[in-house]
Amino acid sequence: MVRRILIAAVAVAIGGTAHAQTGAQLTDSAKAMIGSWEFSNAERDKICTAKFTANRAASGYKVTFDANCAKLFPLVQRIVGWKFPKDELLFLVDAQGKALVEFSEVEDGIFEAPTPGLGVLFLQNPAAAAAAPKATPSQKVTGNWGVVRGDGAPICVLTLAGDGLSVTTQPGCDPSIAKLDFTQWRMDNGDLLLVPASGEPWRFEDVDGNWRRLSDAADPVMLVRQ
């Protein structure tokens, strides 16, 4: 009799765990991810389909990619699951739970992920993908930018590349900027980060198409499109 009770208790516990690991724990924002999404690069010359489900994977919830995805983006062969823990960053993870791609939502239905070695990757829901093409936030950042202080005269020109997210300091740059040796850039929740060879990144906020550094310094720094 005791044995039967124990077996029944274990069965209930297992059943309860299985029920808890369905889609019930997904937030409303995460539930909105369920379904098929367009997976692409910034140039949109590589496009395939990712399907997000509420089924548990080895880590997170299961995501699958169409057969063409592995040819276009070999990285997806290692992706087994997805997580959207704080409704801010969407993680695509491997079987050990390591985040291989980190997406942030930049517009309704559009996620982007600056990814070293791959450039900027995108996820778009069907409605966003069907809309007329427009410049993405990252595409708006690439190009030449003048570093401006005080009277507005540029003291340096930086080139932000879309391929590899690299930063190039152009000749004639003021030593105060050149010595920082910015090497990479990335987007972070709508802000632009310039990453130096050492030290903390410089964070900029969008101001009518230009970028203002977020800093306590009395002399503000702006990035102005050249």
Protein backbone atom coordinates (compact mmCIF):
# COMPACT_ATOMS: atom_id res chain seq x y z
CA MET A 1 0.00 0.00 0.00
CA VAL A 2 2.79 2.40 0.96
CA ARG A 3 4.63 1.51 -2.26
CA ARG A 4 1.53 2.40 -4.33
CA ILE A 5 1.16 5.73 -2.53
CA LEU A 6 4.82 6.58 -3.20
CA ILE A 7 4.50 5.67 -6.89
CA ALA A 8 1.37 7.80 -7.18
CA ALA A 9 3.08 10.72 -5.47
CA VAL A 10 6.04 10.52 -7.84
CA ALA A 11 3.70 10.37 -10.84
CA VAL A 12 1.84 13.47 -9.65
CA ALA A 13 5.12 15.31 -9.09
CA ILE A 14 6.40 14.41 -12.55
CA GLY A 15 3.11 15.40 -14.12
CA GLY A 16 3.15 18.70 -12.26
CA THR A 17 6.68 19.42 -13.41
CA ALA A 18 5.83 18.63 -17.01
CA HIS A 19 2.79 20.91 -16.83
CA ALA A 20 4.91 23.73 -15.38
CA GLN A 21 7.39 23.40 -18.22
CA THR A 22 4.91 24.00 -21.02
CA GLY A 23 4.19 27.54 -22.16
CA ALA A 24 2.58 28.61 -18.86
CA GLN A 25 5.69 30.37 -17.61
CA LEU A 26 6.09 32.54 -20.70
CA THR A 27 5.41 36.23 -20.28
CA ASP A 28 3.04 38.00 -22.66
CA SER A 29 5.98 39.41 -24.61
CA ALA A 30 7.57 35.98 -24.86
CA LYS A 31 4.29 34.43 -25.99
CA ALA A 32 4.23 36.93 -28.83
CA MET A 33 7.38 35.25 -30.15
CA ILE A 34 5.57 31.96 -30.81
CA GLY A 35 5.40 31.29 -34.53
CA SER A 36 7.52 31.82 -37.62
CA TRP A 37 9.95 34.73 -37.98
CA GLU A 38 12.17 35.92 -40.80
CA PHE A 39 15.86 35.48 -39.91
CA SER A 40 18.28 37.56 -42.01
CA ASN A 41 21.44 39.61 -42.24
CA ALA A 42 21.45 43.41 -42.57
CA GLU A 43 21.86 43.35 -46.37
CA ARG A 44 18.92 40.91 -46.63
CA ASP A 45 20.79 38.82 -49.18
CA LYS A 46 20.58 35.93 -46.71
CA ILE A 47 17.04 35.17 -45.52
CA CYS A 48 15.51 32.08 -43.94
CA THR A 49 12.84 31.17 -41.37
CA ALA A 50 13.05 30.54 -37.64
CA LYS A 51 10.12 28.92 -35.83
CA PHE A 52 9.71 29.63 -32.11
CA THR A 53 7.68 27.22 -29.98
CA ALA A 54 6.56 26.94 -26.35
CA ASN A 55 7.99 23.42 -26.07
CA ARG A 56 10.86 22.93 -23.67
CA ALA A 57 14.30 22.33 -25.17
CA ALA A 58 17.55 21.21 -23.53
CA SER A 59 17.84 24.86 -22.60
CA GLY A 60 14.99 27.34 -22.83
CA TYR A 61 12.22 26.75 -25.37
CA LYS A 62 12.61 25.01 -28.70
CA VAL A 63 13.41 26.96 -31.87
CA THR A 64 13.91 25.39 -35.27
CA PHE A 65 15.27 26.76 -38.54
CA ASP A 66 14.47 25.82 -42.11
CA ALA A 67 17.01 23.70 -43.98
CA ASN A 68 18.43 26.70 -45.85
CA CYS A 69 19.33 28.51 -42.61
CA ALA A 70 22.21 26.17 -41.82
CA LYS A 71 23.73 26.89 -45.24
CA LEU A 72 23.40 30.64 -44.88
CA PHE A 73 24.22 30.86 -41.17
CA PRO A 74 26.20 27.80 -39.93
CA LEU A 75 25.84 29.18 -36.39
CA VAL A 76 22.20 28.04 -36.23
CA GLN A 77 23.28 24.39 -36.21
CA ARG A 78 24.34 24.95 -32.58
CA ILE A 79 21.14 26.74 -31.55
CA VAL A 80 18.59 24.54 -29.77
CA GLY A 81 16.52 26.98 -27.76
CA TRP A 82 15.44 30.53 -27.00
CA LYS A 83 14.92 32.58 -23.85
CA PHE A 84 13.20 35.92 -23.30
CA PRO A 85 13.70 36.23 -19.53
CA LYS A 86 13.31 39.97 -18.95
CA ASP A 87 11.35 41.05 -22.03
CA GLU A 88 14.43 43.07 -23.03
CA LEU A 89 16.94 40.71 -24.61
CA LEU A 90 16.01 37.65 -26.62
CA PHE A 91 18.67 34.93 -26.36
CA LEU A 92 19.27 32.10 -28.82
CA VAL A 93 21.14 29.43 -26.86
CA ASP A 94 22.98 26.15 -27.33
CA ALA A 95 22.29 22.90 -25.47
CA GLN A 96 24.37 24.08 -22.49
CA GLY A 97 22.42 27.32 -22.20
CA LYS A 98 25.17 29.54 -23.60
CA ALA A 99 23.84 32.57 -25.47
CA LEU A 100 25.07 32.46 -29.08
CA VAL A 101 23.03 35.45 -30.29
CA GLU A 102 21.51 38.29 -28.23
CA PHE A 103 18.66 40.19 -29.87
CA SER A 104 17.13 43.45 -28.68
CA GLU A 105 13.80 44.77 -29.97
CA VAL A 106 14.42 48.01 -31.88
CA GLU A 107 10.92 48.40 -33.32
CA ASP A 108 7.64 46.53 -32.97
CA GLY A 109 8.23 43.13 -34.50
CA ILE A 110 11.88 43.80 -35.36
CA PHE A 111 14.84 42.48 -33.36
CA GLU A 112 18.51 43.03 -34.17
CA ALA A 113 21.69 41.46 -32.88
CA PRO A 114 25.15 42.87 -33.65
CA THR A 115 27.13 39.62 -33.79
CA PRO A 116 30.94 39.53 -34.11
CA GLY A 117 31.98 37.80 -37.30
CA LEU A 118 28.47 37.95 -38.78
CA GLY A 119 27.59 41.64 -38.70
CA VAL A 120 24.04 42.54 -37.64
CA LEU A 121 21.43 39.76 -37.62
CA PHE A 122 17.69 40.43 -37.72
CA LEU A 123 14.46 38.77 -36.69
CA GLN A 124 11.24 40.15 -38.13
CA ASN A 125 7.70 38.93 -37.70
CA PRO A 126 5.68 38.39 -40.89
CA ALA A 127 3.98 41.80 -40.74
CA ALA A 128 7.27 43.66 -40.27
CA ALA A 129 8.99 41.60 -42.96
CA ALA A 130 6.21 42.36 -45.45
CA ALA A 131 6.41 46.11 -44.85
CA ALA A 132 8.28 48.36 -47.23
CA PRO A 133 12.07 48.17 -46.70
CA LYS A 134 13.50 50.93 -44.50
CA ALA A 135 16.77 51.68 -42.83
CA THR A 136 17.27 49.77 -39.60
CA PRO A 137 18.76 51.48 -36.54
CA SER A 138 22.13 49.85 -37.15
CA GLN A 139 22.14 50.77 -40.82
CA LYS A 140 21.53 54.39 -39.83
CA VAL A 141 24.71 54.29 -37.76
CA THR A 142 27.18 53.07 -40.38
CA GLY A 143 29.27 55.69 -42.18
CA ASN A 144 31.41 58.68 -41.24
CA TRP A 145 30.82 60.65 -38.04
CA GLY A 146 32.52 63.81 -36.83
CA VAL A 147 33.42 63.94 -33.14
CA VAL A 148 32.36 67.42 -32.05
CA ARG A 149 33.11 69.41 -28.90
CA GLY A 150 32.51 72.98 -27.78
CA ASP A 151 32.06 75.27 -30.79
CA GLY A 152 30.82 72.46 -33.02
CA ALA A 153 33.93 72.05 -35.15
CA PRO A 154 34.78 68.36 -35.64
CA ILE A 155 38.06 67.31 -34.04
CA CYS A 156 37.99 63.77 -35.36
CA VAL A 157 36.21 61.64 -37.96
CA LEU A 158 35.29 58.04 -37.16
CA THR A 159 34.08 55.51 -39.71
CA LEU A 160 31.64 52.90 -38.40
CA ALA A 161 31.46 49.83 -40.64
CA GLY A 162 28.50 47.46 -40.87
CA ASP A 163 30.68 44.45 -41.66
CA GLY A 164 32.31 43.33 -38.42
CA LEU A 165 31.06 46.39 -36.48
CA SER A 166 34.52 47.95 -36.69
CA VAL A 167 35.54 51.57 -36.01
CA THR A 168 38.26 53.30 -38.02
CA THR A 169 39.86 56.53 -36.79
CA GLN A 170 40.59 58.74 -39.78
CA PRO A 171 43.95 60.59 -40.16
CA GLY A 172 44.26 63.98 -38.46
CA CYS A 173 42.22 63.00 -35.45
CA ASP A 174 42.78 64.98 -32.24
CA PRO A 175 45.15 63.03 -29.91
CA SER A 176 42.57 63.08 -27.10
CA ILE A 177 40.31 60.90 -29.26
CA ALA A 178 42.93 59.00 -31.25
CA LYS A 179 44.58 57.63 -28.11
CA LEU A 180 41.35 55.89 -27.13
CA ASP A 181 41.70 53.67 -30.22
CA PHE A 182 38.03 52.81 -30.67
CA THR A 183 37.88 49.36 -32.25
CA GLN A 184 34.20 48.35 -32.35
CA TRP A 185 30.68 49.71 -32.06
CA ARG A 186 27.39 48.13 -31.14
CA MET A 187 23.79 49.04 -30.35
CA ASP A 188 22.44 48.56 -26.82
CA ASN A 189 18.73 49.20 -26.20
CA GLY A 190 18.70 52.04 -28.70
CA ASP A 191 21.97 53.59 -27.53
CA LEU A 192 25.21 53.56 -29.52
CA LEU A 193 28.32 52.19 -27.80
CA LEU A 194 31.85 52.92 -29.01
CA VAL A 195 34.25 50.34 -27.59
CA PRO A 196 37.90 51.40 -27.08
CA ALA A 197 40.88 49.05 -27.07
CA SER A 198 40.87 49.31 -23.27
CA GLY A 199 38.58 50.92 -20.75
CA GLU A 200 34.83 51.44 -20.64
CA PRO A 201 32.72 51.98 -23.78
CA TRP A 202 31.41 55.45 -24.58
CA ARG A 203 27.60 55.45 -24.63
CA PHE A 204 25.64 57.82 -26.88
CA GLU A 205 21.93 58.60 -27.12
CA ASP A 206 20.11 59.49 -30.33
CA VAL A 207 19.38 63.23 -30.72
CA ASP A 208 17.53 63.93 -33.95
CA GLY A 209 19.74 61.65 -36.01
CA ASN A 210 23.01 62.61 -34.31
CA TRP A 211 24.45 61.13 -31.13
CA ARG A 212 25.21 62.78 -27.78
CA ARG A 213 27.54 61.13 -25.30
CA LEU A 214 26.01 60.24 -21.94
CA SER A 215 28.63 61.53 -19.51
CA ASP A 216 29.04 63.68 -16.41
CA ALA A 217 31.74 65.74 -18.15
CA ALA A 218 31.03 69.45 -18.44
CA ASP A 219 32.10 69.55 -22.11
CA PRO A 220 29.60 67.50 -24.12
CA VAL A 221 30.66 65.28 -27.01
CA MET A 222 28.51 64.80 -30.09
CA LEU A 223 28.74 62.54 -33.11
CA VAL A 224 27.53 64.42 -36.17
CA ARG A 225 26.91 62.75 -39.52
CA GLN A 226 29.51 63.73 -42.13
